[in-house]
Amino acid sequence: MRILLILLGGLAAHAIATAACPPAGMSRAQLVALSAAGYEVADNARRQALALGLVDCLGDPDPVLRDEIAFGALESWMRSQKLEPATLRSLRTTQLASLKQADAAGLAQPFAAIVLGEVANADRMQPFMSAAERTELVQAGAAYLSNVRDYRGYDLKEGWRHAVAHAADMMMELALNPALSKKDQRLILSAVATQLSAAGAHTPAQFFLYSEGERLAAPVLGLASHADFSAAEWDEWFSSLAITPSEHDAMLPQSMAHRHNLRSFLMTLYISLSESKDGAQRERLLPYVRRELKLDQSGGAV
């Protein structure tokens, strides 16, 4: 602990504001030591300052700095409620801006999305956002998920991008919040449906390879834990996902990708719902999932 305080000793809040990774006053080795020590920073003011200082590392091509240290520290501090509302608001502001900026490298936007998911989780545990601020977060996240066309997953040199999965994680954290309006919930469902179709239609056709289908199922399960949608509304939404007759047997890359991606999504829902202890959630979704998978009540294909 004493060593870490010495390492952080030169870190001042005003220096954090400069665009730099590692943050001013720290080296990469010091950040690696912080990670190895479980992101423990005893001094609260220094922790808040460092949280803001690590923002510029979220788009760094070094996966250790970006994923393990910057995101790892922010996730750890938010999950343990060690960041103050002012710090969370600053993270919300900077990462919303990052989510909307062009990102040719494909690194900053996915990590902005997953950090915003953690901000949403922190707000669900201890609310600090207004309804309008949550809606802004839903709108930005839904727009990003709908429009992601960068399907790069893991790179040996630069690590994870995982844009679809990170966007889905953001939607999941928002979907779990019972304070979300029904209009906002509809935006989440619309974004999931759009991305399920978009990947197959992309040129070249994109087959989900990095658990994207599974991650897209999570916000749907989150929404189904509430009773806001009627059976008719769920029926209509699942019907909108259905493979068209012309696609069903077509041996074209786009049709094959669409079938593959939709099935991975539906199978995750089916398994999750079959194992769920939430009877109401199963009742809301399972009949439609079975129908789209063309399964009978025993789970066998019809």
C-alpha atoms as a PDB file:
ATOM      1  CA  MET A   1       0.000   0.000   0.000  1.00  0.00           C
ATOM      2  CA  ARG A   2       2.782   2.455   0.991  1.00  0.00           C
ATOM      3  CA  ILE A   3       4.585   1.710  -2.295  1.00  0.00           C
ATOM      4  CA  LEU A   4       1.452   2.449  -4.282  1.00  0.00           C
ATOM      5  CA  LEU A   5       0.937   5.751  -2.497  1.00  0.00           C
ATOM      6  CA  ILE A   6       4.495   6.709  -3.374  1.00  0.00           C
ATOM      7  CA  LEU A   7       3.872   5.723  -7.001  1.00  0.00           C
ATOM      8  CA  LEU A   8       0.782   7.879  -7.054  1.00  0.00           C
ATOM      9  CA  GLY A   9       2.375  10.694  -5.147  1.00  0.00           C
ATOM     10  CA  GLY A  10       3.182  12.741  -8.227  1.00  0.00           C
ATOM     11  CA  LEU A  11      -0.295  12.487  -9.671  1.00  0.00           C
ATOM     12  CA  ALA A  12      -2.160  15.795  -9.453  1.00  0.00           C
ATOM     13  CA  ALA A  13      -5.752  16.370 -10.511  1.00  0.00           C
ATOM     14  CA  HIS A  14      -4.933  19.255 -12.863  1.00  0.00           C
ATOM     15  CA  ALA A  15      -2.320  17.170 -14.682  1.00  0.00           C
ATOM     16  CA  ILE A  16      -4.888  14.440 -15.321  1.00  0.00           C
ATOM     17  CA  ALA A  17      -6.795  16.707 -17.712  1.00  0.00           C
ATOM     18  CA  THR A  18      -4.082  16.520 -20.366  1.00  0.00           C
ATOM     19  CA  ALA A  19      -4.514  13.910 -23.077  1.00  0.00           C
ATOM     20  CA  ALA A  20      -1.913  11.328 -22.160  1.00  0.00           C
ATOM     21  CA  CYS A  21      -1.554   7.642 -21.539  1.00  0.00           C
ATOM     22  CA  PRO A  22      -0.058   6.844 -19.103  1.00  0.00           C
ATOM     23  CA  PRO A  23      -1.456   9.854 -17.192  1.00  0.00           C
ATOM     24  CA  ALA A  24       0.968  12.658 -16.360  1.00  0.00           C
ATOM     25  CA  GLY A  25       3.197  11.774 -13.438  1.00  0.00           C
ATOM     26  CA  MET A  26       2.964   8.012 -13.912  1.00  0.00           C
ATOM     27  CA  SER A  27       4.768   5.395 -15.989  1.00  0.00           C
ATOM     28  CA  ARG A  28       3.482   2.233 -17.611  1.00  0.00           C
ATOM     29  CA  ALA A  29       5.372   0.189 -15.009  1.00  0.00           C
ATOM     30  CA  GLN A  30       3.604   2.047 -12.208  1.00  0.00           C
ATOM     31  CA  LEU A  31       0.219   1.347 -13.779  1.00  0.00           C
ATOM     32  CA  VAL A  32       1.090  -2.329 -14.159  1.00  0.00           C
ATOM     33  CA  ALA A  33       1.996  -2.363 -10.454  1.00  0.00           C
ATOM     34  CA  LEU A  34      -1.356  -0.776  -9.658  1.00  0.00           C
ATOM     35  CA  SER A  35      -3.131  -3.534 -11.594  1.00  0.00           C
ATOM     36  CA  ALA A  36      -1.122  -6.243  -9.862  1.00  0.00           C
ATOM     37  CA  ALA A  37      -2.107  -4.757  -6.488  1.00  0.00           C
ATOM     38  CA  GLY A  38      -5.823  -5.023  -7.311  1.00  0.00           C
ATOM     39  CA  TYR A  39      -6.218  -1.309  -8.174  1.00  0.00           C
ATOM     40  CA  GLU A  40      -5.951  -0.398  -4.512  1.00  0.00           C
ATOM     41  CA  VAL A  41      -5.607   3.377  -4.001  1.00  0.00           C
ATOM     42  CA  ALA A  42      -6.234   4.328  -0.383  1.00  0.00           C
ATOM     43  CA  ASP A  43      -6.399   8.083  -0.911  1.00  0.00           C
ATOM     44  CA  ASN A  44      -9.867   8.926  -2.225  1.00  0.00           C
ATOM     45  CA  ALA A  45      -8.907  12.175  -3.975  1.00  0.00           C
ATOM     46  CA  ARG A  46      -6.068  10.449  -5.821  1.00  0.00           C
ATOM     47  CA  ARG A  47      -8.389   7.606  -6.832  1.00  0.00           C
ATOM     48  CA  GLN A  48     -10.905  10.055  -8.330  1.00  0.00           C
ATOM     49  CA  ALA A  49      -8.124  11.885 -10.167  1.00  0.00           C
ATOM     50  CA  LEU A  50      -6.604   8.671 -11.486  1.00  0.00           C
ATOM     51  CA  ALA A  51      -9.992   7.440 -12.695  1.00  0.00           C
ATOM     52  CA  LEU A  52     -10.279  10.543 -14.863  1.00  0.00           C
ATOM     53  CA  GLY A  53      -6.644  10.284 -15.911  1.00  0.00           C
ATOM     54  CA  LEU A  54      -7.091   6.754 -17.216  1.00  0.00           C
ATOM     55  CA  VAL A  55      -9.756   7.861 -19.726  1.00  0.00           C
ATOM     56  CA  ASP A  56      -7.138   8.534 -22.406  1.00  0.00           C
ATOM     57  CA  CYS A  57      -5.875   4.960 -22.071  1.00  0.00           C
ATOM     58  CA  LEU A  58      -9.231   3.563 -23.193  1.00  0.00           C
ATOM     59  CA  GLY A  59      -8.266   4.075 -26.844  1.00  0.00           C
ATOM     60  CA  ASP A  60      -4.622   3.110 -26.503  1.00  0.00           C
ATOM     61  CA  PRO A  61      -3.370   0.366 -28.874  1.00  0.00           C
ATOM     62  CA  ASP A  62      -1.566  -1.291 -25.945  1.00  0.00           C
ATOM     63  CA  PRO A  63      -4.123  -3.847 -24.669  1.00  0.00           C
ATOM     64  CA  VAL A  64      -2.534  -3.930 -21.216  1.00  0.00           C
ATOM     65  CA  LEU A  65      -3.010  -0.191 -20.770  1.00  0.00           C
ATOM     66  CA  ARG A  66      -6.439  -0.122 -22.404  1.00  0.00           C
ATOM     67  CA  ASP A  67      -8.169  -3.263 -21.175  1.00  0.00           C
ATOM     68  CA  GLU A  68      -6.343  -4.646 -18.168  1.00  0.00           C
ATOM     69  CA  ILE A  69      -5.427  -1.350 -16.506  1.00  0.00           C
ATOM     70  CA  ALA A  70      -7.773   1.445 -17.651  1.00  0.00           C
ATOM     71  CA  PHE A  71     -10.969  -0.548 -17.995  1.00  0.00           C
ATOM     72  CA  GLY A  72      -9.983  -2.961 -15.240  1.00  0.00           C
ATOM     73  CA  ALA A  73      -9.456  -0.158 -12.736  1.00  0.00           C
ATOM     74  CA  LEU A  74     -12.610   1.746 -13.703  1.00  0.00           C
ATOM     75  CA  GLU A  75     -14.733  -1.395 -13.557  1.00  0.00           C
ATOM     76  CA  SER A  76     -13.279  -2.385 -10.184  1.00  0.00           C
ATOM     77  CA  TRP A  77     -13.805   1.057  -8.650  1.00  0.00           C
ATOM     78  CA  MET A  78     -17.335   1.436 -10.008  1.00  0.00           C
ATOM     79  CA  ARG A  79     -18.395  -2.052  -8.944  1.00  0.00           C
ATOM     80  CA  SER A  80     -17.108  -1.415  -5.421  1.00  0.00           C
ATOM     81  CA  GLN A  81     -18.721   2.070  -5.327  1.00  0.00           C
ATOM     82  CA  LYS A  82     -15.393   3.833  -4.892  1.00  0.00           C
ATOM     83  CA  LEU A  83     -16.021   6.582  -7.442  1.00  0.00           C
ATOM     84  CA  GLU A  84     -17.928   9.714  -6.462  1.00  0.00           C
ATOM     85  CA  PRO A  85     -20.957  10.984  -8.426  1.00  0.00           C
ATOM     86  CA  ALA A  86     -18.903  13.856  -9.850  1.00  0.00           C
ATOM     87  CA  THR A  87     -16.347  11.385 -11.201  1.00  0.00           C
ATOM     88  CA  LEU A  88     -19.086   9.159 -12.631  1.00  0.00           C
ATOM     89  CA  ARG A  89     -20.662  12.169 -14.320  1.00  0.00           C
ATOM     90  CA  SER A  90     -17.329  13.111 -15.862  1.00  0.00           C
ATOM     91  CA  LEU A  91     -16.850   9.553 -17.153  1.00  0.00           C
ATOM     92  CA  ARG A  92     -20.360   9.639 -18.580  1.00  0.00           C
ATOM     93  CA  THR A  93     -19.640  12.901 -20.405  1.00  0.00           C
ATOM     94  CA  THR A  94     -16.255  11.942 -21.851  1.00  0.00           C
ATOM     95  CA  GLN A  95     -17.308   8.461 -22.937  1.00  0.00           C
ATOM     96  CA  LEU A  96     -20.544   9.648 -24.539  1.00  0.00           C
ATOM     97  CA  ALA A  97     -18.415  12.027 -26.598  1.00  0.00           C
ATOM     98  CA  SER A  98     -16.002   9.202 -27.472  1.00  0.00           C
ATOM     99  CA  LEU A  99     -18.870   6.926 -28.481  1.00  0.00           C
ATOM    100  CA  LYS A 100     -20.000   9.493 -31.062  1.00  0.00           C
ATOM    101  CA  GLN A 101     -16.568  10.283 -32.526  1.00  0.00           C
ATOM    102  CA  ALA A 102     -15.027   8.652 -35.583  1.00  0.00           C
ATOM    103  CA  ASP A 103     -12.713   5.820 -34.545  1.00  0.00           C
ATOM    104  CA  ALA A 104     -10.799   4.310 -37.453  1.00  0.00           C
ATOM    105  CA  ALA A 105      -8.667   2.186 -35.120  1.00  0.00           C
ATOM    106  CA  GLY A 106     -11.832   0.692 -33.638  1.00  0.00           C
ATOM    107  CA  LEU A 107     -10.553   0.769 -30.071  1.00  0.00           C
ATOM    108  CA  ALA A 108     -11.905   3.865 -28.311  1.00  0.00           C
ATOM    109  CA  GLN A 109     -15.590   3.419 -29.187  1.00  0.00           C
ATOM    110  CA  PRO A 110     -15.997  -0.179 -27.967  1.00  0.00           C
ATOM    111  CA  PHE A 111     -14.295   0.690 -24.692  1.00  0.00           C
ATOM    112  CA  ALA A 112     -16.376   3.837 -24.327  1.00  0.00           C
ATOM    113  CA  ALA A 113     -19.457   1.619 -24.660  1.00  0.00           C
ATOM    114  CA  ILE A 114     -18.381  -0.874 -22.025  1.00  0.00           C
ATOM    115  CA  VAL A 115     -17.349   1.889 -19.595  1.00  0.00           C
ATOM    116  CA  LEU A 116     -20.749   3.549 -20.104  1.00  0.00           C
ATOM    117  CA  GLY A 117     -22.282   0.178 -19.271  1.00  0.00           C
ATOM    118  CA  GLU A 118     -20.454   0.258 -15.946  1.00  0.00           C
ATOM    119  CA  VAL A 119     -21.636   3.844 -15.398  1.00  0.00           C
ATOM    120  CA  ALA A 120     -25.193   2.612 -16.010  1.00  0.00           C
ATOM    121  CA  ASN A 121     -24.663  -0.220 -13.531  1.00  0.00           C
ATOM    122  CA  ALA A 122     -23.367   2.236 -10.925  1.00  0.00           C
ATOM    123  CA  ASP A 123     -26.466   4.377 -11.478  1.00  0.00           C
ATOM    124  CA  ARG A 124     -28.731   1.349 -11.022  1.00  0.00           C
ATOM    125  CA  MET A 125     -27.044   0.460  -7.731  1.00  0.00           C
ATOM    126  CA  GLN A 126     -26.992   4.043  -6.434  1.00  0.00           C
ATOM    127  CA  PRO A 127     -28.909   6.439  -8.714  1.00  0.00           C
ATOM    128  CA  PHE A 128     -27.212   9.681  -9.693  1.00  0.00           C
ATOM    129  CA  MET A 129     -28.664  10.257 -13.177  1.00  0.00           C
ATOM    130  CA  SER A 130     -31.950  11.883 -14.100  1.00  0.00           C
ATOM    131  CA  ALA A 131     -34.476  10.120 -16.335  1.00  0.00           C
ATOM    132  CA  ALA A 132     -33.411  12.398 -19.191  1.00  0.00           C
ATOM    133  CA  GLU A 133     -29.757  11.468 -18.682  1.00  0.00           C
ATOM    134  CA  ARG A 134     -30.613   7.767 -18.769  1.00  0.00           C
ATOM    135  CA  THR A 135     -32.577   8.292 -21.955  1.00  0.00           C
ATOM    136  CA  GLU A 136     -29.596  10.062 -23.511  1.00  0.00           C
ATOM    137  CA  LEU A 137     -27.442   7.073 -22.600  1.00  0.00           C
ATOM    138  CA  VAL A 138     -29.949   4.630 -24.116  1.00  0.00           C
ATOM    139  CA  GLN A 139     -30.228   6.683 -27.306  1.00  0.00           C
ATOM    140  CA  ALA A 140     -26.463   6.905 -27.758  1.00  0.00           C
ATOM    141  CA  GLY A 141     -25.905   3.228 -26.990  1.00  0.00           C
ATOM    142  CA  ALA A 142     -28.752   2.077 -29.223  1.00  0.00           C
ATOM    143  CA  ALA A 143     -27.473   4.214 -32.103  1.00  0.00           C
ATOM    144  CA  TYR A 144     -23.983   2.796 -31.657  1.00  0.00           C
ATOM    145  CA  LEU A 145     -25.147  -0.824 -31.479  1.00  0.00           C
ATOM    146  CA  SER A 146     -27.399  -0.374 -34.516  1.00  0.00           C
ATOM    147  CA  ASN A 147     -24.623   1.141 -36.601  1.00  0.00           C
ATOM    148  CA  VAL A 148     -21.597  -0.960 -35.626  1.00  0.00           C
ATOM    149  CA  ARG A 149     -20.027  -2.386 -38.780  1.00  0.00           C
ATOM    150  CA  ASP A 150     -16.589  -3.111 -37.341  1.00  0.00           C
ATOM    151  CA  TYR A 151     -16.659  -6.832 -36.583  1.00  0.00           C
ATOM    152  CA  ARG A 152     -13.037  -7.227 -35.563  1.00  0.00           C
ATOM    153  CA  GLY A 153     -12.771  -9.296 -32.401  1.00  0.00           C
ATOM    154  CA  TYR A 154      -9.413 -10.293 -30.944  1.00  0.00           C
ATOM    155  CA  ASP A 155      -6.038  -9.286 -32.338  1.00  0.00           C
ATOM    156  CA  LEU A 156      -2.837 -10.883 -31.036  1.00  0.00           C
ATOM    157  CA  LYS A 157      -1.075  -7.515 -30.922  1.00  0.00           C
ATOM    158  CA  GLU A 158      -3.850  -5.097 -29.996  1.00  0.00           C
ATOM    159  CA  GLY A 159      -6.171  -7.364 -28.012  1.00  0.00           C
ATOM    160  CA  TRP A 160      -9.955  -7.000 -27.971  1.00  0.00           C
ATOM    161  CA  ARG A 161     -12.078  -4.587 -29.954  1.00  0.00           C
ATOM    162  CA  HIS A 162     -15.368  -6.529 -29.697  1.00  0.00           C
ATOM    163  CA  ALA A 163     -17.610  -3.613 -30.638  1.00  0.00           C
ATOM    164  CA  VAL A 164     -20.891  -5.545 -30.924  1.00  0.00           C
ATOM    165  CA  ALA A 165     -20.366  -7.366 -27.631  1.00  0.00           C
ATOM    166  CA  HIS A 166     -19.344  -4.216 -25.745  1.00  0.00           C
ATOM    167  CA  ALA A 167     -22.341  -2.308 -27.129  1.00  0.00           C
ATOM    168  CA  ALA A 168     -24.605  -5.203 -26.109  1.00  0.00           C
ATOM    169  CA  ASP A 169     -23.079  -5.143 -22.610  1.00  0.00           C
ATOM    170  CA  MET A 170     -23.952  -1.447 -22.351  1.00  0.00           C
ATOM    171  CA  MET A 171     -27.533  -2.200 -23.421  1.00  0.00           C
ATOM    172  CA  MET A 172     -27.750  -5.050 -20.903  1.00  0.00           C
ATOM    173  CA  GLU A 173     -26.730  -2.833 -17.978  1.00  0.00           C
ATOM    174  CA  LEU A 174     -29.361  -0.281 -19.002  1.00  0.00           C
ATOM    175  CA  ALA A 175     -32.021  -2.950 -19.637  1.00  0.00           C
ATOM    176  CA  LEU A 176     -31.721  -4.229 -16.069  1.00  0.00           C
ATOM    177  CA  ASN A 177     -32.757  -0.856 -14.644  1.00  0.00           C
ATOM    178  CA  PRO A 178     -36.479  -0.909 -13.715  1.00  0.00           C
ATOM    179  CA  ALA A 179     -36.484   2.905 -13.853  1.00  0.00           C
ATOM    180  CA  LEU A 180     -36.083   2.847 -17.641  1.00  0.00           C
ATOM    181  CA  SER A 181     -39.092   4.071 -19.606  1.00  0.00           C
ATOM    182  CA  LYS A 182     -40.909   1.718 -21.969  1.00  0.00           C
ATOM    183  CA  LYS A 183     -39.866   3.929 -24.885  1.00  0.00           C
ATOM    184  CA  ASP A 184     -36.215   3.493 -23.895  1.00  0.00           C
ATOM    185  CA  GLN A 185     -36.712  -0.261 -23.571  1.00  0.00           C
ATOM    186  CA  ARG A 186     -38.134  -0.371 -27.097  1.00  0.00           C
ATOM    187  CA  LEU A 187     -35.015   1.416 -28.367  1.00  0.00           C
ATOM    188  CA  ILE A 188     -32.865  -1.342 -26.864  1.00  0.00           C
ATOM    189  CA  LEU A 189     -34.919  -4.088 -28.527  1.00  0.00           C
ATOM    190  CA  SER A 190     -34.817  -2.244 -31.841  1.00  0.00           C
ATOM    191  CA  ALA A 191     -31.032  -1.917 -31.682  1.00  0.00           C
ATOM    192  CA  VAL A 192     -30.585  -5.631 -30.937  1.00  0.00           C
ATOM    193  CA  ALA A 193     -32.832  -6.587 -33.869  1.00  0.00           C
ATOM    194  CA  THR A 194     -31.044  -4.172 -36.206  1.00  0.00           C
ATOM    195  CA  GLN A 195     -27.618  -5.571 -35.416  1.00  0.00           C
ATOM    196  CA  LEU A 196     -28.804  -9.176 -35.778  1.00  0.00           C
ATOM    197  CA  SER A 197     -29.796  -8.375 -39.361  1.00  0.00           C
ATOM    198  CA  ALA A 198     -26.956  -5.983 -40.185  1.00  0.00           C
ATOM    199  CA  ALA A 199     -24.060  -8.385 -39.675  1.00  0.00           C
ATOM    200  CA  GLY A 200     -25.344 -10.865 -42.239  1.00  0.00           C
ATOM    201  CA  ALA A 201     -26.226  -8.133 -44.720  1.00  0.00           C
ATOM    202  CA  HIS A 202     -22.753  -6.597 -44.401  1.00  0.00           C
ATOM    203  CA  THR A 203     -20.297  -6.941 -47.291  1.00  0.00           C
ATOM    204  CA  PRO A 204     -18.603  -9.285 -46.720  1.00  0.00           C
ATOM    205  CA  ALA A 205     -21.204 -11.167 -44.683  1.00  0.00           C
ATOM    206  CA  GLN A 206     -20.215 -11.384 -41.033  1.00  0.00           C
ATOM    207  CA  PHE A 207     -20.643 -14.613 -39.088  1.00  0.00           C
ATOM    208  CA  PHE A 208     -20.587 -13.977 -35.332  1.00  0.00           C
ATOM    209  CA  LEU A 209     -17.361 -15.576 -34.103  1.00  0.00           C
ATOM    210  CA  TYR A 210     -16.734 -13.894 -30.746  1.00  0.00           C
ATOM    211  CA  SER A 211     -19.908 -14.638 -28.729  1.00  0.00           C
ATOM    212  CA  GLU A 212     -21.750 -11.642 -30.183  1.00  0.00           C
ATOM    213  CA  GLY A 213     -25.018 -13.595 -30.401  1.00  0.00           C
ATOM    214  CA  GLU A 214     -24.750 -14.587 -26.758  1.00  0.00           C
ATOM    215  CA  ARG A 215     -23.996 -11.035 -25.662  1.00  0.00           C
ATOM    216  CA  LEU A 216     -26.918  -9.644 -27.690  1.00  0.00           C
ATOM    217  CA  ALA A 217     -29.241 -12.001 -25.824  1.00  0.00           C
ATOM    218  CA  ALA A 218     -28.351 -10.461 -22.455  1.00  0.00           C
ATOM    219  CA  PRO A 219     -30.256  -7.160 -22.815  1.00  0.00           C
ATOM    220  CA  VAL A 220     -33.334  -9.064 -24.018  1.00  0.00           C
ATOM    221  CA  LEU A 221     -33.204 -11.273 -20.922  1.00  0.00           C
ATOM    222  CA  GLY A 222     -32.765  -8.136 -18.828  1.00  0.00           C
ATOM    223  CA  LEU A 223     -35.874  -6.553 -20.281  1.00  0.00           C
ATOM    224  CA  ALA A 224     -37.828  -9.784 -19.798  1.00  0.00           C
ATOM    225  CA  SER A 225     -37.125  -9.604 -16.064  1.00  0.00           C
ATOM    226  CA  HIS A 226     -39.634  -6.705 -16.005  1.00  0.00           C
ATOM    227  CA  ALA A 227     -43.317  -6.961 -16.892  1.00  0.00           C
ATOM    228  CA  ASP A 228     -43.456  -3.896 -19.138  1.00  0.00           C
ATOM    229  CA  PHE A 229     -44.116  -5.665 -22.457  1.00  0.00           C
ATOM    230  CA  SER A 230     -47.289  -7.587 -23.204  1.00  0.00           C
ATOM    231  CA  ALA A 231     -47.358 -11.040 -24.771  1.00  0.00           C
ATOM    232  CA  ALA A 232     -48.503  -9.449 -28.030  1.00  0.00           C
ATOM    233  CA  GLU A 233     -45.548  -7.068 -28.028  1.00  0.00           C
ATOM    234  CA  TRP A 234     -43.037  -9.874 -27.449  1.00  0.00           C
ATOM    235  CA  ASP A 235     -44.764 -11.919 -30.143  1.00  0.00           C
ATOM    236  CA  GLU A 236     -44.455  -9.047 -32.615  1.00  0.00           C
ATOM    237  CA  TRP A 237     -40.780  -8.442 -31.799  1.00  0.00           C
ATOM    238  CA  PHE A 238     -39.742 -12.076 -32.165  1.00  0.00           C
ATOM    239  CA  SER A 239     -41.743 -12.357 -35.385  1.00  0.00           C
ATOM    240  CA  SER A 240     -39.746  -9.446 -36.780  1.00  0.00           C
ATOM    241  CA  LEU A 241     -36.543 -11.496 -36.371  1.00  0.00           C
ATOM    242  CA  ALA A 242     -37.739 -14.451 -38.422  1.00  0.00           C
ATOM    243  CA  ILE A 243     -35.774 -15.669 -41.422  1.00  0.00           C
ATOM    244  CA  THR A 244     -37.724 -15.005 -44.628  1.00  0.00           C
ATOM    245  CA  PRO A 245     -38.724 -17.964 -46.849  1.00  0.00           C
ATOM    246  CA  SER A 246     -36.286 -16.805 -49.547  1.00  0.00           C
ATOM    247  CA  GLU A 247     -33.423 -16.851 -47.038  1.00  0.00           C
ATOM    248  CA  HIS A 248     -34.307 -20.157 -45.420  1.00  0.00           C
ATOM    249  CA  ASP A 249     -32.507 -22.461 -47.832  1.00  0.00           C
ATOM    250  CA  ALA A 250     -30.466 -19.933 -49.793  1.00  0.00           C
ATOM    251  CA  MET A 251     -26.800 -20.918 -50.052  1.00  0.00           C
ATOM    252  CA  LEU A 252     -25.624 -17.316 -50.134  1.00  0.00           C
ATOM    253  CA  PRO A 253     -23.121 -15.919 -47.612  1.00  0.00           C
ATOM    254  CA  GLN A 254     -25.537 -13.225 -46.429  1.00  0.00           C
ATOM    255  CA  SER A 255     -28.384 -15.682 -45.857  1.00  0.00           C
ATOM    256  CA  MET A 256     -26.121 -18.223 -44.193  1.00  0.00           C
ATOM    257  CA  ALA A 257     -24.627 -15.563 -41.908  1.00  0.00           C
ATOM    258  CA  HIS A 258     -28.072 -14.258 -40.955  1.00  0.00           C
ATOM    259  CA  ARG A 259     -29.267 -17.779 -40.088  1.00  0.00           C
ATOM    260  CA  HIS A 260     -26.088 -18.535 -38.122  1.00  0.00           C
ATOM    261  CA  ASN A 261     -26.170 -15.279 -36.153  1.00  0.00           C
ATOM    262  CA  LEU A 262     -29.872 -15.456 -35.358  1.00  0.00           C
ATOM    263  CA  ARG A 263     -29.618 -19.080 -34.232  1.00  0.00           C
ATOM    264  CA  SER A 264     -26.689 -18.351 -31.886  1.00  0.00           C
ATOM    265  CA  PHE A 265     -28.764 -15.547 -30.359  1.00  0.00           C
ATOM    266  CA  LEU A 266     -31.900 -17.680 -30.025  1.00  0.00           C
ATOM    267  CA  MET A 267     -30.060 -20.714 -28.649  1.00  0.00           C
ATOM    268  CA  THR A 268     -28.548 -18.549 -25.905  1.00  0.00           C
ATOM    269  CA  LEU A 269     -32.027 -17.323 -25.010  1.00  0.00           C
ATOM    270  CA  TYR A 270     -33.382 -20.865 -25.063  1.00  0.00           C
ATOM    271  CA  ILE A 271     -30.685 -22.274 -22.775  1.00  0.00           C
ATOM    272  CA  SER A 272     -30.760 -19.277 -20.422  1.00  0.00           C
ATOM    273  CA  LEU A 273     -34.544 -19.363 -20.133  1.00  0.00           C
ATOM    274  CA  SER A 274     -34.639 -23.141 -19.705  1.00  0.00           C
ATOM    275  CA  GLU A 275     -32.235 -22.805 -16.762  1.00  0.00           C
ATOM    276  CA  SER A 276     -33.774 -19.611 -15.367  1.00  0.00           C
ATOM    277  CA  LYS A 277     -35.365 -19.681 -11.916  1.00  0.00           C
ATOM    278  CA  ASP A 278     -37.522 -16.718 -12.936  1.00  0.00           C
ATOM    279  CA  GLY A 279     -40.775 -18.381 -13.966  1.00  0.00           C
ATOM    280  CA  ALA A 280     -42.315 -15.137 -15.213  1.00  0.00           C
ATOM    281  CA  GLN A 281     -39.316 -14.456 -17.433  1.00  0.00           C
ATOM    282  CA  ARG A 282     -39.567 -17.963 -18.922  1.00  0.00           C
ATOM    283  CA  GLU A 283     -43.273 -17.539 -19.534  1.00  0.00           C
ATOM    284  CA  ARG A 284     -42.750 -14.205 -21.281  1.00  0.00           C
ATOM    285  CA  LEU A 285     -40.125 -15.358 -23.769  1.00  0.00           C
ATOM    286  CA  LEU A 286     -39.754 -19.122 -24.038  1.00  0.00           C
ATOM    287  CA  PRO A 287     -42.792 -19.801 -26.275  1.00  0.00           C
ATOM    288  CA  TYR A 288     -41.528 -17.344 -28.883  1.00  0.00           C
ATOM    289  CA  VAL A 289     -37.952 -18.571 -28.696  1.00  0.00           C
ATOM    290  CA  ARG A 290     -39.147 -22.160 -29.200  1.00  0.00           C
ATOM    291  CA  ARG A 291     -41.268 -21.043 -32.129  1.00  0.00           C
ATOM    292  CA  GLU A 292     -38.418 -19.238 -33.885  1.00  0.00           C
ATOM    293  CA  LEU A 293     -36.112 -22.197 -33.294  1.00  0.00           C
ATOM    294  CA  LYS A 294     -38.922 -24.503 -34.459  1.00  0.00           C
ATOM    295  CA  LEU A 295     -38.774 -26.621 -31.301  1.00  0.00           C
ATOM    296  CA  ASP A 296     -41.624 -28.522 -29.688  1.00  0.00           C
ATOM    297  CA  GLN A 297     -42.307 -28.354 -25.957  1.00  0.00           C
ATOM    298  CA  SER A 298     -39.754 -31.102 -25.232  1.00  0.00           C
ATOM    299  CA  GLY A 299     -36.980 -29.161 -26.941  1.00  0.00           C
ATOM    300  CA  GLY A 300     -36.914 -31.368 -30.045  1.00  0.00           C
ATOM    301  CA  ALA A 301     -37.005 -29.977 -33.553  1.00  0.00           C
ATOM    302  CA  VAL A 302     -40.331 -30.011 -35.347  1.00  0.00           C
END
